[in-house]
Every structure is written in C-alpha cells, then in structure tokens.
C-alpha atoms as a PDB file:
ATOM      1  CA  UNK A   1       0.000   0.000   0.000  1.00  0.00           C
ATOM      2  CA  UNK A   2       2.083   2.872  -1.247  1.00  0.00           C
ATOM      3  CA  UNK A   3       1.353   6.476  -0.401  1.00  0.00           C
ATOM      4  CA  UNK A   4       0.267   8.393  -3.479  1.00  0.00           C
ATOM      5  CA  UNK A   5       0.071  12.086  -4.188  1.00  0.00           C
ATOM      6  CA  UNK A   6      -3.636  12.666  -4.521  1.00  0.00           C
ATOM      7  CA  UNK A   7      -4.910  14.971  -7.258  1.00  0.00           C
ATOM      8  CA  UNK A   8      -7.532  17.597  -6.570  1.00  0.00           C
ATOM      9  CA  UNK A   9     -10.228  17.240  -5.288  1.00  0.00           C
ATOM     10  CA  UNK A  10      -8.868  14.336  -3.174  1.00  0.00           C
ATOM     11  CA  UNK A  11      -6.458  16.625  -1.310  1.00  0.00           C
ATOM     12  CA  UNK A  12      -9.472  17.766   0.682  1.00  0.00           C
ATOM     13  CA  UNK A  13      -9.986  14.209   1.921  1.00  0.00           C
ATOM     14  CA  UNK A  14      -6.693  13.706   3.693  1.00  0.00           C
ATOM     15  CA  UNK A  15      -8.314  13.463   7.136  1.00  0.00           C
ATOM     16  CA  UNK A  16      -7.524   9.963   8.314  1.00  0.00           C
ATOM     17  CA  UNK A  17      -8.263   7.700  11.286  1.00  0.00           C
ATOM     18  CA  UNK A  18      -6.081   7.944  14.361  1.00  0.00           C
ATOM     19  CA  UNK A  19      -7.515   4.926  16.151  1.00  0.00           C
ATOM     20  CA  UNK A  20      -8.767   1.508  15.075  1.00  0.00           C
ATOM     21  CA  UNK A  21     -11.381  -0.711  16.692  1.00  0.00           C
ATOM     22  CA  UNK A  22     -10.427  -4.279  15.859  1.00  0.00           C
ATOM     23  CA  UNK A  23     -11.874  -7.631  16.813  1.00  0.00           C
ATOM     24  CA  UNK A  24     -13.102 -10.807  15.191  1.00  0.00           C
ATOM     25  CA  UNK A  25     -16.643 -10.769  13.772  1.00  0.00           C
ATOM     26  CA  UNK A  26     -19.219 -11.400  16.506  1.00  0.00           C
ATOM     27  CA  UNK A  27     -16.902 -10.190  19.253  1.00  0.00           C
ATOM     28  CA  UNK A  28     -18.669  -7.000  20.304  1.00  0.00           C
ATOM     29  CA  UNK A  29     -17.089  -4.445  17.980  1.00  0.00           C
ATOM     30  CA  UNK A  30     -20.476  -3.448  16.599  1.00  0.00           C
ATOM     31  CA  UNK A  31     -21.761  -2.659  20.076  1.00  0.00           C
ATOM     32  CA  UNK A  32     -18.648  -0.728  21.087  1.00  0.00           C
ATOM     33  CA  UNK A  33     -18.644   1.097  17.751  1.00  0.00           C
ATOM     34  CA  UNK A  34     -22.132   2.363  18.575  1.00  0.00           C
ATOM     35  CA  UNK A  35     -21.073   3.494  22.031  1.00  0.00           C
ATOM     36  CA  UNK A  36     -18.062   5.383  20.708  1.00  0.00           C
ATOM     37  CA  UNK A  37     -20.105   6.975  17.943  1.00  0.00           C
ATOM     38  CA  UNK A  38     -22.287   8.630  20.593  1.00  0.00           C
ATOM     39  CA  UNK A  39     -19.343  10.639  21.979  1.00  0.00           C
ATOM     40  CA  UNK A  40     -19.140  14.230  20.631  1.00  0.00           C
ATOM     41  CA  UNK A  41     -15.343  14.029  20.258  1.00  0.00           C
ATOM     42  CA  UNK A  42     -15.382  10.806  18.225  1.00  0.00           C
ATOM     43  CA  UNK A  43     -16.008  10.220  14.541  1.00  0.00           C
ATOM     44  CA  UNK A  44     -16.545   6.615  13.457  1.00  0.00           C
ATOM     45  CA  UNK A  45     -16.460   5.786   9.753  1.00  0.00           C
ATOM     46  CA  UNK A  46     -18.723   3.159   8.230  1.00  0.00           C
ATOM     47  CA  UNK A  47     -17.829  -0.277   9.588  1.00  0.00           C
ATOM     48  CA  UNK A  48     -16.032  -2.983   7.667  1.00  0.00           C
ATOM     49  CA  UNK A  49     -14.141  -0.853   5.158  1.00  0.00           C
ATOM     50  CA  UNK A  50     -11.257  -3.356   5.190  1.00  0.00           C
ATOM     51  CA  UNK A  51      -8.773  -1.182   3.381  1.00  0.00           C
ATOM     52  CA  UNK A  52      -5.917  -2.818   5.274  1.00  0.00           C
ATOM     53  CA  UNK A  53      -5.187  -6.527   5.519  1.00  0.00           C
ATOM     54  CA  UNK A  54      -4.025  -7.157   1.962  1.00  0.00           C
ATOM     55  CA  UNK A  55      -3.639 -10.864   2.729  1.00  0.00           C
ATOM     56  CA  UNK A  56      -7.377 -11.155   3.387  1.00  0.00           C
ATOM     57  CA  UNK A  57      -8.446 -10.382  -0.201  1.00  0.00           C
ATOM     58  CA  UNK A  58     -11.590  -9.018   1.438  1.00  0.00           C
ATOM     59  CA  UNK A  59     -12.643  -6.513  -1.211  1.00  0.00           C
ATOM     60  CA  UNK A  60     -12.627  -7.496  -4.855  1.00  0.00           C
ATOM     61  CA  UNK A  61     -11.535  -5.273  -6.460  1.00  0.00           C
ATOM     62  CA  UNK A  62      -9.440  -3.873  -3.567  1.00  0.00           C
ATOM     63  CA  UNK A  63     -10.713  -0.631  -2.057  1.00  0.00           C
ATOM     64  CA  UNK A  64      -8.673   2.288  -3.409  1.00  0.00           C
ATOM     65  CA  UNK A  65      -7.030   4.805  -1.097  1.00  0.00           C
ATOM     66  CA  UNK A  66      -9.146   7.651  -2.470  1.00  0.00           C
ATOM     67  CA  UNK A  67     -12.273   5.628  -1.767  1.00  0.00           C
ATOM     68  CA  UNK A  68     -11.102   4.850   1.783  1.00  0.00           C
ATOM     69  CA  UNK A  69     -10.162   8.428   2.664  1.00  0.00           C
ATOM     70  CA  UNK A  70     -13.479   9.684   1.346  1.00  0.00           C
ATOM     71  CA  UNK A  71     -15.214   7.998   4.295  1.00  0.00           C
ATOM     72  CA  UNK A  72     -13.415  10.436   6.630  1.00  0.00           C
ATOM     73  CA  UNK A  73     -13.998  13.645   4.698  1.00  0.00           C
ATOM     74  CA  UNK A  74     -16.534  14.975   7.241  1.00  0.00           C
ATOM     75  CA  UNK A  75     -14.391  14.192  10.284  1.00  0.00           C
ATOM     76  CA  UNK A  76     -13.127  17.114  12.344  1.00  0.00           C
ATOM     77  CA  UNK A  77     -13.121  15.357  15.702  1.00  0.00           C
ATOM     78  CA  UNK A  78     -10.317  14.763  18.163  1.00  0.00           C
ATOM     79  CA  UNK A  79     -10.575  11.007  17.700  1.00  0.00           C
ATOM     80  CA  UNK A  80     -11.292   9.540  14.274  1.00  0.00           C
ATOM     81  CA  UNK A  81     -11.948   5.823  14.217  1.00  0.00           C
ATOM     82  CA  UNK A  82     -12.314   2.923  11.851  1.00  0.00           C
ATOM     83  CA  UNK A  83     -13.605  -0.535  12.710  1.00  0.00           C
ATOM     84  CA  UNK A  84     -13.003  -3.591  10.518  1.00  0.00           C
ATOM     85  CA  UNK A  85     -13.324  -6.976  12.167  1.00  0.00           C
ATOM     86  CA  UNK A  86     -10.951  -9.097  10.079  1.00  0.00           C
ATOM     87  CA  UNK A  87      -7.922  -6.876  10.765  1.00  0.00           C
ATOM     88  CA  UNK A  88      -7.221  -9.032  13.833  1.00  0.00           C
ATOM     89  CA  UNK A  89      -6.938 -12.259  11.856  1.00  0.00           C
ATOM     90  CA  UNK A  90      -4.847 -10.638   9.118  1.00  0.00           C
ATOM     91  CA  UNK A  91      -1.095 -11.223   9.182  1.00  0.00           C
ATOM     92  CA  UNK A  92      -0.404  -7.940   7.385  1.00  0.00           C
ATOM     93  CA  UNK A  93      -2.965  -5.440   8.715  1.00  0.00           C
ATOM     94  CA  UNK A  94      -1.002  -4.363  11.810  1.00  0.00           C
ATOM     95  CA  UNK A  95       2.092  -3.496   9.772  1.00  0.00           C
ATOM     96  CA  UNK A  96       0.039  -1.772   7.068  1.00  0.00           C
ATOM     97  CA  UNK A  97      -1.837   0.333   9.627  1.00  0.00           C
ATOM     98  CA  UNK A  98       1.461   1.260  11.265  1.00  0.00           C
ATOM     99  CA  UNK A  99       2.853   2.446   7.920  1.00  0.00           C
ATOM    100  CA  UNK A 100      -0.331   4.420   7.290  1.00  0.00           C
ATOM    101  CA  UNK A 101      -0.657   6.044  10.741  1.00  0.00           C
ATOM    102  CA  UNK A 102       2.354   5.361  13.019  1.00  0.00           C
ATOM    103  CA  UNK A 103       0.790   7.058  16.063  1.00  0.00           C
ATOM    104  CA  UNK A 104      -2.533   5.220  15.856  1.00  0.00           C
ATOM    105  CA  UNK A 105      -4.168   3.773  18.945  1.00  0.00           C
ATOM    106  CA  UNK A 106      -5.649   0.292  18.792  1.00  0.00           C
ATOM    107  CA  UNK A 107      -8.654  -1.127  20.643  1.00  0.00           C
ATOM    108  CA  UNK A 108      -8.898  -4.937  20.429  1.00  0.00           C
ATOM    109  CA  UNK A 109     -11.925  -7.031  21.377  1.00  0.00           C
ATOM    110  CA  UNK A 110     -11.535 -10.713  22.290  1.00  0.00           C
ATOM    111  CA  UNK A 111     -14.194 -13.363  22.906  1.00  0.00           C
ATOM    112  CA  UNK A 112     -14.171 -16.841  24.403  1.00  0.00           C
ATOM    113  CA  UNK A 113     -12.923 -18.785  21.353  1.00  0.00           C
ATOM    114  CA  UNK A 114     -15.426 -21.634  21.688  1.00  0.00           C
ATOM    115  CA  UNK A 115     -18.394 -19.269  21.810  1.00  0.00           C
ATOM    116  CA  UNK A 116     -16.832 -17.193  19.075  1.00  0.00           C
ATOM    117  CA  UNK A 117     -16.325 -20.042  16.600  1.00  0.00           C
ATOM    118  CA  UNK A 118     -19.906 -21.203  17.025  1.00  0.00           C
ATOM    119  CA  UNK A 119     -21.211 -17.677  16.530  1.00  0.00           C
ATOM    120  CA  UNK A 120     -18.839 -17.084  13.607  1.00  0.00           C
ATOM    121  CA  UNK A 121     -20.154 -20.145  11.804  1.00  0.00           C
ATOM    122  CA  UNK A 122     -23.718 -18.838  12.144  1.00  0.00           C
ATOM    123  CA  UNK A 123     -22.537 -15.449  10.879  1.00  0.00           C
ATOM    124  CA  UNK A 124     -20.821 -16.974   7.846  1.00  0.00           C
ATOM    125  CA  UNK A 125     -23.904 -19.050   7.034  1.00  0.00           C
ATOM    126  CA  UNK A 126     -26.087 -15.963   7.283  1.00  0.00           C
ATOM    127  CA  UNK A 127     -23.721 -13.908   5.139  1.00  0.00           C
ATOM    128  CA  UNK A 128     -23.830 -16.574   2.417  1.00  0.00           C
ATOM    129  CA  UNK A 129     -20.133 -17.385   2.817  1.00  0.00           C
ATOM    130  CA  UNK A 130     -20.575 -20.856   4.349  1.00  0.00           C
ATOM    131  CA  UNK A 131     -22.518 -23.631   2.605  1.00  0.00           C
ATOM    132  CA  UNK A 132     -22.158 -26.257   5.353  1.00  0.00           C
ATOM    133  CA  UNK A 133     -25.020 -25.486   7.685  1.00  0.00           C
ATOM    134  CA  UNK A 134     -24.083 -27.758  10.608  1.00  0.00           C
ATOM    135  CA  UNK A 135     -21.188 -26.436  12.722  1.00  0.00           C
ATOM    136  CA  UNK A 136     -19.688 -29.873  13.437  1.00  0.00           C
ATOM    137  CA  UNK A 137     -19.702 -30.717   9.720  1.00  0.00           C
ATOM    138  CA  UNK A 138     -17.960 -27.447   8.900  1.00  0.00           C
ATOM    139  CA  UNK A 139     -15.282 -28.173  11.504  1.00  0.00           C
ATOM    140  CA  UNK A 140     -14.760 -31.623  10.006  1.00  0.00           C
ATOM    141  CA  UNK A 141     -13.901 -30.025   6.666  1.00  0.00           C
ATOM    142  CA  UNK A 142     -11.213 -27.782   8.107  1.00  0.00           C
ATOM    143  CA  UNK A 143      -8.152 -29.859   7.198  1.00  0.00           C
ATOM    144  CA  UNK A 144      -9.318 -30.069   3.587  1.00  0.00           C
ATOM    145  CA  UNK A 145     -10.086 -26.354   3.528  1.00  0.00           C
ATOM    146  CA  UNK A 146      -6.608 -25.522   4.760  1.00  0.00           C
ATOM    147  CA  UNK A 147      -5.368 -27.281   1.610  1.00  0.00           C
ATOM    148  CA  UNK A 148      -7.879 -25.433  -0.560  1.00  0.00           C
ATOM    149  CA  UNK A 149     -10.488 -28.177  -0.882  1.00  0.00           C
ATOM    150  CA  UNK A 150     -14.214 -28.169   0.002  1.00  0.00           C
ATOM    151  CA  UNK A 151     -14.230 -24.387   0.131  1.00  0.00           C
ATOM    152  CA  UNK A 152     -17.642 -22.710  -0.182  1.00  0.00           C
ATOM    153  CA  UNK A 153     -17.842 -20.939  -3.563  1.00  0.00           C
ATOM    154  CA  UNK A 154     -18.603 -17.588  -1.913  1.00  0.00           C
ATOM    155  CA  UNK A 155     -16.283 -17.813   1.135  1.00  0.00           C
ATOM    156  CA  UNK A 156     -15.477 -14.195   2.007  1.00  0.00           C
ATOM    157  CA  UNK A 157     -12.817 -13.858   3.205  1.00  0.00           C
ATOM    158  CA  UNK A 158     -11.522 -17.366   2.491  1.00  0.00           C
ATOM    159  CA  UNK A 159      -9.895 -17.690   5.925  1.00  0.00           C
ATOM    160  CA  UNK A 160     -13.289 -17.137   7.544  1.00  0.00           C
ATOM    161  CA  UNK A 161     -14.366 -20.764   7.065  1.00  0.00           C
ATOM    162  CA  UNK A 162     -11.123 -22.262   8.398  1.00  0.00           C
ATOM    163  CA  UNK A 163     -12.362 -22.028  11.930  1.00  0.00           C
ATOM    164  CA  UNK A 164      -9.852 -23.474  14.396  1.00  0.00           C
ATOM    165  CA  UNK A 165      -6.971 -21.891  12.502  1.00  0.00           C
ATOM    166  CA  UNK A 166      -8.406 -18.472  13.363  1.00  0.00           C
ATOM    167  CA  UNK A 167      -7.947 -18.996  17.096  1.00  0.00           C
ATOM    168  CA  UNK A 168      -4.402 -17.692  17.245  1.00  0.00           C
ATOM    169  CA  UNK A 169      -5.140 -14.947  19.759  1.00  0.00           C
ATOM    170  CA  UNK A 170      -1.597 -14.784  21.100  1.00  0.00           C
ATOM    171  CA  UNK A 171       0.009 -14.223  17.697  1.00  0.00           C
ATOM    172  CA  UNK A 172      -2.752 -11.881  16.552  1.00  0.00           C
ATOM    173  CA  UNK A 173      -2.496  -9.612  19.596  1.00  0.00           C
ATOM    174  CA  UNK A 174       1.293  -9.802  19.641  1.00  0.00           C
ATOM    175  CA  UNK A 175       1.434  -8.352  16.123  1.00  0.00           C
ATOM    176  CA  UNK A 176      -0.251  -5.172  17.393  1.00  0.00           C
ATOM    177  CA  UNK A 177       1.892  -5.058  20.526  1.00  0.00           C
ATOM    178  CA  UNK A 178       4.996  -5.335  18.340  1.00  0.00           C
ATOM    179  CA  UNK A 179       3.938  -2.614  15.915  1.00  0.00           C
ATOM    180  CA  UNK A 180       2.339  -0.084  18.276  1.00  0.00           C
ATOM    181  CA  UNK A 181       3.646  -0.910  21.753  1.00  0.00           C
ATOM    182  CA  UNK A 182       1.498  -2.155  24.632  1.00  0.00           C
ATOM    183  CA  UNK A 183       0.670   1.362  25.856  1.00  0.00           C
ATOM    184  CA  UNK A 184      -1.085   2.093  22.558  1.00  0.00           C
ATOM    185  CA  UNK A 185      -3.128  -1.123  22.517  1.00  0.00           C
ATOM    186  CA  UNK A 186      -6.220  -1.439  24.720  1.00  0.00           C
ATOM    187  CA  UNK A 187      -7.866  -4.849  25.076  1.00  0.00           C
ATOM    188  CA  UNK A 188     -11.481  -5.450  26.012  1.00  0.00           C
ATOM    189  CA  UNK A 189     -13.234  -8.759  26.619  1.00  0.00           C
ATOM    190  CA  UNK A 190     -16.616  -9.581  25.128  1.00  0.00           C
ATOM    191  CA  UNK A 191     -17.725 -10.997  28.492  1.00  0.00           C
ATOM    192  CA  UNK A 192     -17.034  -7.657  30.178  1.00  0.00           C
ATOM    193  CA  UNK A 193     -18.773  -5.742  27.403  1.00  0.00           C
ATOM    194  CA  UNK A 194     -21.907  -7.804  28.024  1.00  0.00           C
ATOM    195  CA  UNK A 195     -21.803  -7.667  31.822  1.00  0.00           C
ATOM    196  CA  UNK A 196     -20.466  -4.162  32.484  1.00  0.00           C
ATOM    197  CA  UNK A 197     -20.778  -2.085  29.319  1.00  0.00           C
ATOM    198  CA  UNK A 198     -20.461   1.277  31.070  1.00  0.00           C
ATOM    199  CA  UNK A 199     -17.109   0.346  32.603  1.00  0.00           C
ATOM    200  CA  UNK A 200     -15.807  -0.961  29.272  1.00  0.00           C
ATOM    201  CA  UNK A 201     -16.897   2.213  27.489  1.00  0.00           C
ATOM    202  CA  UNK A 202     -15.355   4.492  30.115  1.00  0.00           C
ATOM    203  CA  UNK A 203     -12.077   2.568  30.045  1.00  0.00           C
ATOM    204  CA  UNK A 204     -11.963   2.878  26.248  1.00  0.00           C
ATOM    205  CA  UNK A 205     -12.631   6.619  26.428  1.00  0.00           C
ATOM    206  CA  UNK A 206      -9.898   7.071  29.029  1.00  0.00           C
ATOM    207  CA  UNK A 207      -7.509   5.162  26.761  1.00  0.00           C
ATOM    208  CA  UNK A 208      -8.365   7.611  23.968  1.00  0.00           C
ATOM    209  CA  UNK A 209      -7.847  10.568  26.302  1.00  0.00           C
ATOM    210  CA  UNK A 210     -11.479  11.683  26.233  1.00  0.00           C
ATOM    211  CA  UNK A 211     -13.975  12.707  28.939  1.00  0.00           C
ATOM    212  CA  UNK A 212     -16.008   9.768  30.204  1.00  0.00           C
ATOM    213  CA  UNK A 213     -19.122  11.815  30.898  1.00  0.00           C
ATOM    214  CA  UNK A 214     -21.089  13.400  28.078  1.00  0.00           C
ATOM    215  CA  UNK A 215     -24.625  14.015  26.910  1.00  0.00           C
ATOM    216  CA  UNK A 216     -26.057  10.971  25.182  1.00  0.00           C
ATOM    217  CA  UNK A 217     -23.963   8.394  27.045  1.00  0.00           C
ATOM    218  CA  UNK A 218     -26.877   6.842  28.966  1.00  0.00           C
ATOM    219  CA  UNK A 219     -28.992   6.679  25.829  1.00  0.00           C
ATOM    220  CA  UNK A 220     -26.213   4.891  23.951  1.00  0.00           C
ATOM    221  CA  UNK A 221     -25.731   2.354  26.718  1.00  0.00           C
ATOM    222  CA  UNK A 222     -29.455   1.747  26.920  1.00  0.00           C
ATOM    223  CA  UNK A 223     -29.651   1.047  23.193  1.00  0.00           C
ATOM    224  CA  UNK A 224     -27.295  -1.927  23.595  1.00  0.00           C
ATOM    225  CA  UNK A 225     -30.168  -3.878  25.135  1.00  0.00           C
ATOM    226  CA  UNK A 226     -31.482  -4.339  21.603  1.00  0.00           C
ATOM    227  CA  UNK A 227     -28.702  -6.946  21.154  1.00  0.00           C
ATOM    228  CA  UNK A 228     -26.971  -5.672  18.041  1.00  0.00           C
ATOM    229  CA  UNK A 229     -25.640  -9.092  17.073  1.00  0.00           C
ATOM    230  CA  UNK A 230     -28.901 -11.010  17.091  1.00  0.00           C
ATOM    231  CA  UNK A 231     -28.900 -14.157  14.978  1.00  0.00           C
ATOM    232  CA  UNK A 232     -30.218 -13.694  11.462  1.00  0.00           C
ATOM    233  CA  UNK A 233     -31.223 -15.805   8.506  1.00  0.00           C
ATOM    234  CA  UNK A 234     -32.453 -15.214   4.960  1.00  0.00           C
ATOM    235  CA  UNK A 235     -35.843 -15.746   3.504  1.00  0.00           C
ATOM    236  CA  UNK A 236     -34.189 -16.676   0.199  1.00  0.00           C
ATOM    237  CA  UNK A 237     -30.577 -17.891   0.091  1.00  0.00           C
ATOM    238  CA  UNK A 238     -30.685 -17.685  -3.711  1.00  0.00           C
ATOM    239  CA  UNK A 239     -31.497 -13.980  -3.589  1.00  0.00           C
ATOM    240  CA  UNK A 240     -28.829 -13.397  -0.964  1.00  0.00           C
ATOM    241  CA  UNK A 241     -26.155 -15.101  -3.074  1.00  0.00           C
ATOM    242  CA  UNK A 242     -27.190 -12.946  -6.013  1.00  0.00           C
ATOM    243  CA  UNK A 243     -26.874  -9.758  -3.933  1.00  0.00           C
ATOM    244  CA  UNK A 244     -23.471 -10.736  -2.509  1.00  0.00           C
ATOM    245  CA  UNK A 245     -21.891 -12.021  -5.731  1.00  0.00           C
ATOM    246  CA  UNK A 246     -19.392 -10.310  -7.993  1.00  0.00           C
ATOM    247  CA  UNK A 247     -19.806  -6.654  -8.828  1.00  0.00           C
ATOM    248  CA  UNK A 248     -23.015  -6.356  -6.822  1.00  0.00           C
ATOM    249  CA  UNK A 249     -21.148  -7.011  -3.564  1.00  0.00           C
ATOM    250  CA  UNK A 250     -18.583  -4.342  -4.442  1.00  0.00           C
ATOM    251  CA  UNK A 251     -21.387  -1.857  -5.113  1.00  0.00           C
ATOM    252  CA  UNK A 252     -23.266  -2.833  -1.938  1.00  0.00           C
ATOM    253  CA  UNK A 253     -20.177  -2.185   0.205  1.00  0.00           C
ATOM    254  CA  UNK A 254     -19.209   1.020  -1.566  1.00  0.00           C
ATOM    255  CA  UNK A 255     -15.953  -0.333  -3.010  1.00  0.00           C
ATOM    256  CA  UNK A 256     -16.951   0.645  -6.534  1.00  0.00           C
ATOM    257  CA  UNK A 257     -19.566   3.005  -7.897  1.00  0.00           C
ATOM    258  CA  UNK A 258     -22.567   1.806  -9.805  1.00  0.00           C
ATOM    259  CA  UNK A 259     -22.690   2.837 -13.467  1.00  0.00           C
ATOM    260  CA  UNK A 260     -26.039   4.526 -12.800  1.00  0.00           C
ATOM    261  CA  UNK A 261     -27.451   6.075  -9.586  1.00  0.00           C
ATOM    262  CA  UNK A 262     -29.741   3.920  -7.468  1.00  0.00           C
ATOM    263  CA  UNK A 263     -28.433   0.324  -7.570  1.00  0.00           C
ATOM    264  CA  UNK A 264     -26.732   0.501  -4.161  1.00  0.00           C
ATOM    265  CA  UNK A 265     -29.945   1.684  -2.533  1.00  0.00           C
ATOM    266  CA  UNK A 266     -31.894  -1.125  -4.243  1.00  0.00           C
ATOM    267  CA  UNK A 267     -29.358  -3.750  -3.152  1.00  0.00           C
ATOM    268  CA  UNK A 268     -29.434  -2.523   0.447  1.00  0.00           C
ATOM    269  CA  UNK A 269     -33.234  -2.562   0.437  1.00  0.00           C
ATOM    270  CA  UNK A 270     -33.356  -6.089  -0.990  1.00  0.00           C
ATOM    271  CA  UNK A 271     -30.830  -7.242   1.601  1.00  0.00           C
ATOM    272  CA  UNK A 272     -32.896  -5.769   4.426  1.00  0.00           C
ATOM    273  CA  UNK A 273     -36.188  -7.218   3.167  1.00  0.00           C
ATOM    274  CA  UNK A 274     -34.579 -10.637   2.737  1.00  0.00           C
ATOM    275  CA  UNK A 275     -33.314 -10.767   6.348  1.00  0.00           C
ATOM    276  CA  UNK A 276     -35.144 -12.167   9.350  1.00  0.00           C
ATOM    277  CA  UNK A 277     -34.216 -12.687  13.009  1.00  0.00           C
ATOM    278  CA  UNK A 278     -34.079 -16.284  14.249  1.00  0.00           C
ATOM    279  CA  UNK A 279     -33.232 -18.220  17.384  1.00  0.00           C
ATOM    280  CA  UNK A 280     -29.912 -20.064  17.470  1.00  0.00           C
ATOM    281  CA  UNK A 281     -29.794 -23.476  19.131  1.00  0.00           C
ATOM    282  CA  UNK A 282     -27.180 -24.079  21.808  1.00  0.00           C
ATOM    283  CA  UNK A 283     -23.995 -25.866  20.869  1.00  0.00           C
ATOM    284  CA  UNK A 284     -23.848 -29.598  21.451  1.00  0.00           C
ATOM    285  CA  UNK A 285     -22.403 -30.099  24.963  1.00  0.00           C
ATOM    286  CA  UNK A 286     -19.976 -32.820  23.875  1.00  0.00           C
ATOM    287  CA  UNK A 287     -18.631 -30.655  21.061  1.00  0.00           C
ATOM    288  CA  UNK A 288     -18.255 -27.718  23.449  1.00  0.00           C
ATOM    289  CA  UNK A 289     -16.201 -29.821  25.819  1.00  0.00           C
ATOM    290  CA  UNK A 290     -14.047 -31.117  22.966  1.00  0.00           C
ATOM    291  CA  UNK A 291     -13.334 -27.629  21.603  1.00  0.00           C
ATOM    292  CA  UNK A 292     -12.637 -26.234  25.066  1.00  0.00           C
ATOM    293  CA  UNK A 293      -9.992 -28.899  25.593  1.00  0.00           C
ATOM    294  CA  UNK A 294      -8.508 -28.389  22.123  1.00  0.00           C
ATOM    295  CA  UNK A 295      -8.183 -24.632  22.559  1.00  0.00           C
ATOM    296  CA  UNK A 296      -7.059 -24.590  26.188  1.00  0.00           C
ATOM    297  CA  UNK A 297      -3.368 -24.179  25.326  1.00  0.00           C
ATOM    298  CA  UNK A 298      -4.120 -21.185  23.109  1.00  0.00           C
ATOM    299  CA  UNK A 299      -6.240 -19.608  25.847  1.00  0.00           C
ATOM    300  CA  UNK A 300      -3.396 -20.035  28.313  1.00  0.00           C
ATOM    301  CA  UNK A 301      -0.995 -18.333  25.897  1.00  0.00           C
ATOM    302  CA  UNK A 302      -3.168 -15.246  25.458  1.00  0.00           C
ATOM    303  CA  UNK A 303      -3.956 -15.255  29.194  1.00  0.00           C
ATOM    304  CA  UNK A 304      -0.243 -14.985  29.893  1.00  0.00           C
ATOM    305  CA  UNK A 305       0.358 -12.362  27.209  1.00  0.00           C
ATOM    306  CA  UNK A 306      -2.315  -9.919  28.381  1.00  0.00           C
ATOM    307  CA  UNK A 307      -2.070 -10.878  32.077  1.00  0.00           C
ATOM    308  CA  UNK A 308      -5.802 -11.441  32.526  1.00  0.00           C
ATOM    309  CA  UNK A 309      -7.509 -14.369  34.269  1.00  0.00           C
ATOM    310  CA  UNK A 310      -9.409 -16.284  31.589  1.00  0.00           C
ATOM    311  CA  UNK A 311     -10.422 -19.293  33.657  1.00  0.00           C
ATOM    312  CA  UNK A 312     -13.994 -18.977  32.399  1.00  0.00           C
ATOM    313  CA  UNK A 313     -12.669 -19.726  28.903  1.00  0.00           C
ATOM    314  CA  UNK A 314     -11.018 -22.946  30.041  1.00  0.00           C
ATOM    315  CA  UNK A 315     -13.954 -25.014  31.124  1.00  0.00           C
ATOM    316  CA  UNK A 316     -16.873 -22.988  32.361  1.00  0.00           C
ATOM    317  CA  UNK A 317     -19.876 -23.676  30.172  1.00  0.00           C
ATOM    318  CA  UNK A 318     -20.837 -20.173  29.036  1.00  0.00           C
ATOM    319  CA  UNK A 319     -22.727 -21.412  25.946  1.00  0.00           C
ATOM    320  CA  UNK A 320     -23.462 -17.919  24.626  1.00  0.00           C
ATOM    321  CA  UNK A 321     -25.246 -17.961  21.245  1.00  0.00           C
END
C-alpha cells in the first residue's frame, strides 16, 4: 500500500483515522462502535471498510485509497476511528496500519474462542459465505479447507471458514503489541462488554484521552439492550447469493460506484427485506467440551500475554449464542 500524491479534489480528503477498533466478527465491535459513535469528540467511519489486511483479499476489487479516505472527509473530531473486524486475523494489517498512521491507537476485542467459533459459523452461514449449515460438519472439513479443498464458492474472506486456525489470539495480539507498543493497545473482553458495558466504554474513552461523561452516554448504553448481534437468517438464500456475488457485492459495500445512480440503494433494500431474526440453538455439549480442551493451550498463551484471568474460557460452560 504505497502512499500516493492525490490529485484535486482528493487533497481535501486527507483526514484519516487515528484509532482503530479491531476484533473478530461477533466479538462485540459493533456494540462498542455504537457506544463510541455517541461521543461528541469521536467520529466513526462506516464499519467494515477493510482497506488494510491485503492478505485477506476481502474486497474485490481492492478498495482504493481515495475511496477509503473519502469515508473520513466529514471528520473534524479529536478522535477519528475505523472498525473492521478481520484486521485481527490478518497477518499484514497491523504493519500496514502502522505504515499508514504510526501514532494510531488500537482497541482490540476478544471473545471466548469456543463461543466465538460457534457464533462465527452462524454469521458466515447468514452472510452466504458458508454452505455447510451444521457447525460440526464445517469443523470436520477444516483440514481439507486448509489445503484449498471443500471451500464454499462464496467464502469471504476465504480464511473465515477455516475455523480453528483463526484462534491464534496470542500471535494476533502480539502483532499489534509489536507494531504499536502495549501502551497504545487497549484490550477489552466480550464478556465484560456484556456484563459491564459502562465500565468498558469508560475505560476505552480514558484510553483515547477523552472525557467519560457526556450528553447521550446513557442513551447509547441503553440502546445496547437491543442486542446488536442477534442471529439472522435469509428468507431466500438464492437472492442473498445474487446480492453478494461479484460486482453487486462491491457496489453494496461502496468499493466501486454503480454505473447509474440507485443500484446501491436497491441492493441494500433487498438485503434488508430478505433478512429475518431467528433463534440459534445451543452448541452440542460434547462438542463444546471437545473444543474447550482443544483450545485450552491457546487460551493459556493469550492469558499470559495480556495478564488477565481467563479461567472462564477454560472449562466454564458459558454457551453464549
């Protein structure tokens, strides 16, 4: 990602983010993004821009720098943020962000890996990126998928359906520690965000050097009771695949412009009308126990790295959908 001299009128869009909210999908970043957005000194760009993380191949075609910077053109706030979930799994995003904004602050969100993988699978099914509907069956395909076989045709990003391989919390967090230094990386836990959202928000604001009391704070915290990450499904998977395929996906996510005005609005409307909220069944208890045992060593590594007691991740049956 090379810096380019931008021609007019792009020179006016050189405002850029100075902090990044990063965490795996379904790990609370959407909720925290909403909290931060309510603060008068914070500007949050549209979520999931995924300009960084070139190894992810998230946007096709890749989002151009001019396109990315345009999302910040209205920002005049003390803290300007961007939140893209897959930056944590990316091997290159931390270094690319550092090259882009060396003084950036990083907020990372982590979730119990067993709960997270189960929720991620549901998310990938909903998004149309996973064609194996049963979680256990998807896990059984992982070794083949690591070799490039049995991949869903629309897997986006491809690493998103290689589940266990994504639970490398120690290495993922260490990349940001190495690039930005521990003092510039603030870690929150999904469990804490659910149980004590006000404390998590205030700690994040203090990390950013902002006042923790402001008009609208209580209203923002109250809105979290709507459960932003409710489970969803589609009325028509065929229609969803059509919306999220090829050039239409790029238009829907603002990566490229439509040849004529209106298509993005139509695609967003179709996507909304085709979505419904559903109940998610609890994970099979035997599978939960198996995964907890498998991932225990990784939990202990991240526990040691961030110096936080994660005993609840090593055997307690949280079973959060």
